[in-house]
Amino acid sequence: MNKFLSRKFLIALATLISASWLVCSEHIADGVYSAVVIAVVVAYITGNVAQKKVTPREPQS
């Protein structure tokens, strides 16, 4: 459950929800929505990879 309360996840979720609302209310085009979704997914994955690279690993017993 803690994984779903991370700042990265909540920001990504809020961005996708707001982009979905904007496309449903016809404030943005579907092409813009696609670009936003792709950018959010790439940023989230990149953030996870960077965090795993920077965070020290615990020694294995």
N, C-alpha and C. Protein backbone atom coordinates (compact mmCIF):
# COMPACT_ATOMS: atom_id res chain seq x y z
N MET A 1 0.81 -1.19 0.00
CA MET A 1 0.00 0.00 0.00
C MET A 1 0.86 1.25 0.00
N ASN A 2 2.02 1.17 0.62
CA ASN A 2 2.91 2.33 0.70
C ASN A 2 3.38 2.77 -0.68
N LYS A 3 3.48 1.81 -1.61
CA LYS A 3 3.92 2.12 -2.97
C LYS A 3 2.94 3.06 -3.67
N PHE A 4 1.66 2.95 -3.34
CA PHE A 4 0.64 3.77 -3.98
C PHE A 4 0.49 5.14 -3.35
N LEU A 5 1.22 5.42 -2.28
CA LEU A 5 1.17 6.73 -1.63
C LEU A 5 2.42 7.55 -1.91
N SER A 6 3.25 7.11 -2.83
CA SER A 6 4.46 7.87 -3.14
C SER A 6 4.10 9.13 -3.91
N ARG A 7 4.94 10.15 -3.77
CA ARG A 7 4.69 11.42 -4.46
C ARG A 7 4.70 11.24 -5.97
N LYS A 8 5.62 10.43 -6.48
CA LYS A 8 5.69 10.20 -7.93
C LYS A 8 4.38 9.62 -8.45
N PHE A 9 3.87 8.62 -7.76
CA PHE A 9 2.64 7.98 -8.21
C PHE A 9 1.46 8.92 -8.13
N LEU A 10 1.34 9.67 -7.03
CA LEU A 10 0.21 10.58 -6.87
C LEU A 10 0.25 11.71 -7.90
N ILE A 11 1.43 12.23 -8.20
CA ILE A 11 1.54 13.28 -9.22
C ILE A 11 1.20 12.73 -10.60
N ALA A 12 1.69 11.53 -10.90
CA ALA A 12 1.37 10.91 -12.19
C ALA A 12 -0.13 10.65 -12.31
N LEU A 13 -0.73 10.16 -11.25
CA LEU A 13 -2.16 9.88 -11.25
C LEU A 13 -2.97 11.17 -11.42
N ALA A 14 -2.60 12.22 -10.70
CA ALA A 14 -3.30 13.50 -10.81
C ALA A 14 -3.16 14.08 -12.22
N THR A 15 -2.00 13.94 -12.82
CA THR A 15 -1.79 14.43 -14.18
C THR A 15 -2.66 13.68 -15.17
N LEU A 16 -2.72 12.36 -15.03
CA LEU A 16 -3.55 11.57 -15.95
C LEU A 16 -5.03 11.85 -15.76
N ILE A 17 -5.46 12.03 -14.52
CA ILE A 17 -6.87 12.35 -14.27
C ILE A 17 -7.23 13.71 -14.86
N SER A 18 -6.36 14.70 -14.66
CA SER A 18 -6.66 16.04 -15.19
C SER A 18 -6.61 16.04 -16.72
N ALA A 19 -5.68 15.30 -17.32
CA ALA A 19 -5.63 15.22 -18.78
C ALA A 19 -6.87 14.51 -19.32
N SER A 20 -7.32 13.49 -18.61
CA SER A 20 -8.54 12.79 -19.03
C SER A 20 -9.75 13.72 -18.96
N TRP A 21 -9.83 14.50 -17.90
CA TRP A 21 -10.94 15.45 -17.78
C TRP A 21 -10.88 16.50 -18.90
N LEU A 22 -9.67 16.97 -19.21
CA LEU A 22 -9.53 17.98 -20.26
C LEU A 22 -9.93 17.44 -21.63
N VAL A 23 -9.60 16.19 -21.92
CA VAL A 23 -9.97 15.63 -23.22
C VAL A 23 -11.48 15.32 -23.26
N CYS A 24 -12.06 14.93 -22.14
CA CYS A 24 -13.51 14.67 -22.11
C CYS A 24 -14.31 15.96 -22.27
N SER A 25 -13.79 17.05 -21.72
CA SER A 25 -14.49 18.33 -21.85
C SER A 25 -14.08 19.09 -23.11
N GLU A 26 -13.30 18.43 -23.95
CA GLU A 26 -12.87 18.95 -25.26
C GLU A 26 -12.05 20.23 -25.17
N HIS A 27 -11.26 20.36 -24.10
CA HIS A 27 -10.33 21.48 -23.98
C HIS A 27 -9.00 21.19 -24.68
N ILE A 28 -8.65 19.91 -24.77
CA ILE A 28 -7.45 19.51 -25.51
C ILE A 28 -7.83 18.42 -26.51
N ALA A 29 -7.02 18.30 -27.54
CA ALA A 29 -7.28 17.29 -28.58
C ALA A 29 -6.75 15.93 -28.12
N ASP A 30 -7.19 14.89 -28.81
CA ASP A 30 -6.76 13.55 -28.44
C ASP A 30 -5.27 13.33 -28.69
N GLY A 31 -4.69 14.03 -29.65
CA GLY A 31 -3.25 13.93 -29.88
C GLY A 31 -2.44 14.49 -28.72
N VAL A 32 -2.93 15.57 -28.14
CA VAL A 32 -2.27 16.15 -26.97
C VAL A 32 -2.39 15.20 -25.78
N TYR A 33 -3.55 14.59 -25.64
CA TYR A 33 -3.77 13.61 -24.57
C TYR A 33 -2.78 12.45 -24.69
N SER A 34 -2.60 11.95 -25.91
CA SER A 34 -1.65 10.86 -26.14
C SER A 34 -0.24 11.27 -25.74
N ALA A 35 0.16 12.47 -26.10
CA ALA A 35 1.49 12.95 -25.76
C ALA A 35 1.66 13.08 -24.25
N VAL A 36 0.62 13.55 -23.57
CA VAL A 36 0.68 13.69 -22.11
C VAL A 36 0.80 12.33 -21.45
N VAL A 37 0.00 11.37 -21.89
CA VAL A 37 0.05 10.03 -21.30
C VAL A 37 1.43 9.40 -21.51
N ILE A 38 1.95 9.50 -22.70
CA ILE A 38 3.28 8.94 -22.98
C ILE A 38 4.34 9.62 -22.12
N ALA A 39 4.28 10.94 -22.01
CA ALA A 39 5.26 11.68 -21.22
C ALA A 39 5.18 11.30 -19.74
N VAL A 40 3.97 11.14 -19.22
CA VAL A 40 3.81 10.78 -17.80
C VAL A 40 4.35 9.37 -17.54
N VAL A 41 4.05 8.44 -18.42
CA VAL A 41 4.53 7.07 -18.23
C VAL A 41 6.06 7.01 -18.31
N VAL A 42 6.63 7.70 -19.28
CA VAL A 42 8.10 7.72 -19.41
C VAL A 42 8.75 8.39 -18.20
N ALA A 43 8.18 9.49 -17.74
CA ALA A 43 8.74 10.18 -16.57
C ALA A 43 8.64 9.32 -15.32
N TYR A 44 7.53 8.62 -15.15
CA TYR A 44 7.36 7.76 -13.97
C TYR A 44 8.36 6.60 -13.99
N ILE A 45 8.50 5.96 -15.14
CA ILE A 45 9.46 4.85 -15.24
C ILE A 45 10.89 5.34 -15.05
N THR A 46 11.22 6.48 -15.66
CA THR A 46 12.57 7.04 -15.50
C THR A 46 12.84 7.40 -14.04
N GLY A 47 11.84 7.95 -13.37
CA GLY A 47 12.00 8.29 -11.95
C GLY A 47 12.23 7.06 -11.10
N ASN A 48 11.52 5.98 -11.39
CA ASN A 48 11.72 4.74 -10.63
C ASN A 48 13.11 4.16 -10.86
N VAL A 49 13.56 4.17 -12.10
CA VAL A 49 14.89 3.64 -12.41
C VAL A 49 15.97 4.50 -11.74
N ALA A 50 15.82 5.81 -11.82
CA ALA A 50 16.80 6.70 -11.19
C ALA A 50 16.81 6.53 -9.68
N GLN A 51 15.64 6.35 -9.07
CA GLN A 51 15.58 6.16 -7.63
C GLN A 51 16.27 4.86 -7.22
N LYS A 52 16.07 3.80 -7.98
CA LYS A 52 16.73 2.53 -7.66
C LYS A 52 18.24 2.62 -7.86
N LYS A 53 18.67 3.45 -8.80
CA LYS A 53 20.10 3.60 -9.05
C LYS A 53 20.76 4.40 -7.92
N VAL A 54 20.07 5.39 -7.41
CA VAL A 54 20.64 6.28 -6.39
C VAL A 54 20.52 5.69 -4.99
N THR A 55 19.42 5.00 -4.71
CA THR A 55 19.19 4.44 -3.38
C THR A 55 20.13 3.26 -3.15
N PRO A 56 20.86 3.30 -2.03
CA PRO A 56 21.77 2.17 -1.75
C PRO A 56 21.00 0.89 -1.44
N ARG A 57 21.55 -0.20 -1.89
CA ARG A 57 20.94 -1.50 -1.64
C ARG A 57 21.33 -2.00 -0.27
N GLU A 58 20.43 -2.78 0.32
CA GLU A 58 20.73 -3.40 1.60
C GLU A 58 21.60 -4.63 1.36
N PRO A 59 22.56 -4.87 2.23
CA PRO A 59 23.41 -6.06 2.04
C PRO A 59 22.58 -7.34 2.19
N GLN A 60 22.89 -8.31 1.31
CA GLN A 60 22.19 -9.58 1.35
C GLN A 60 22.84 -10.49 2.39
N SER A 61 22.01 -11.23 3.12
CA SER A 61 22.54 -12.12 4.15
C SER A 61 22.64 -13.54 3.65
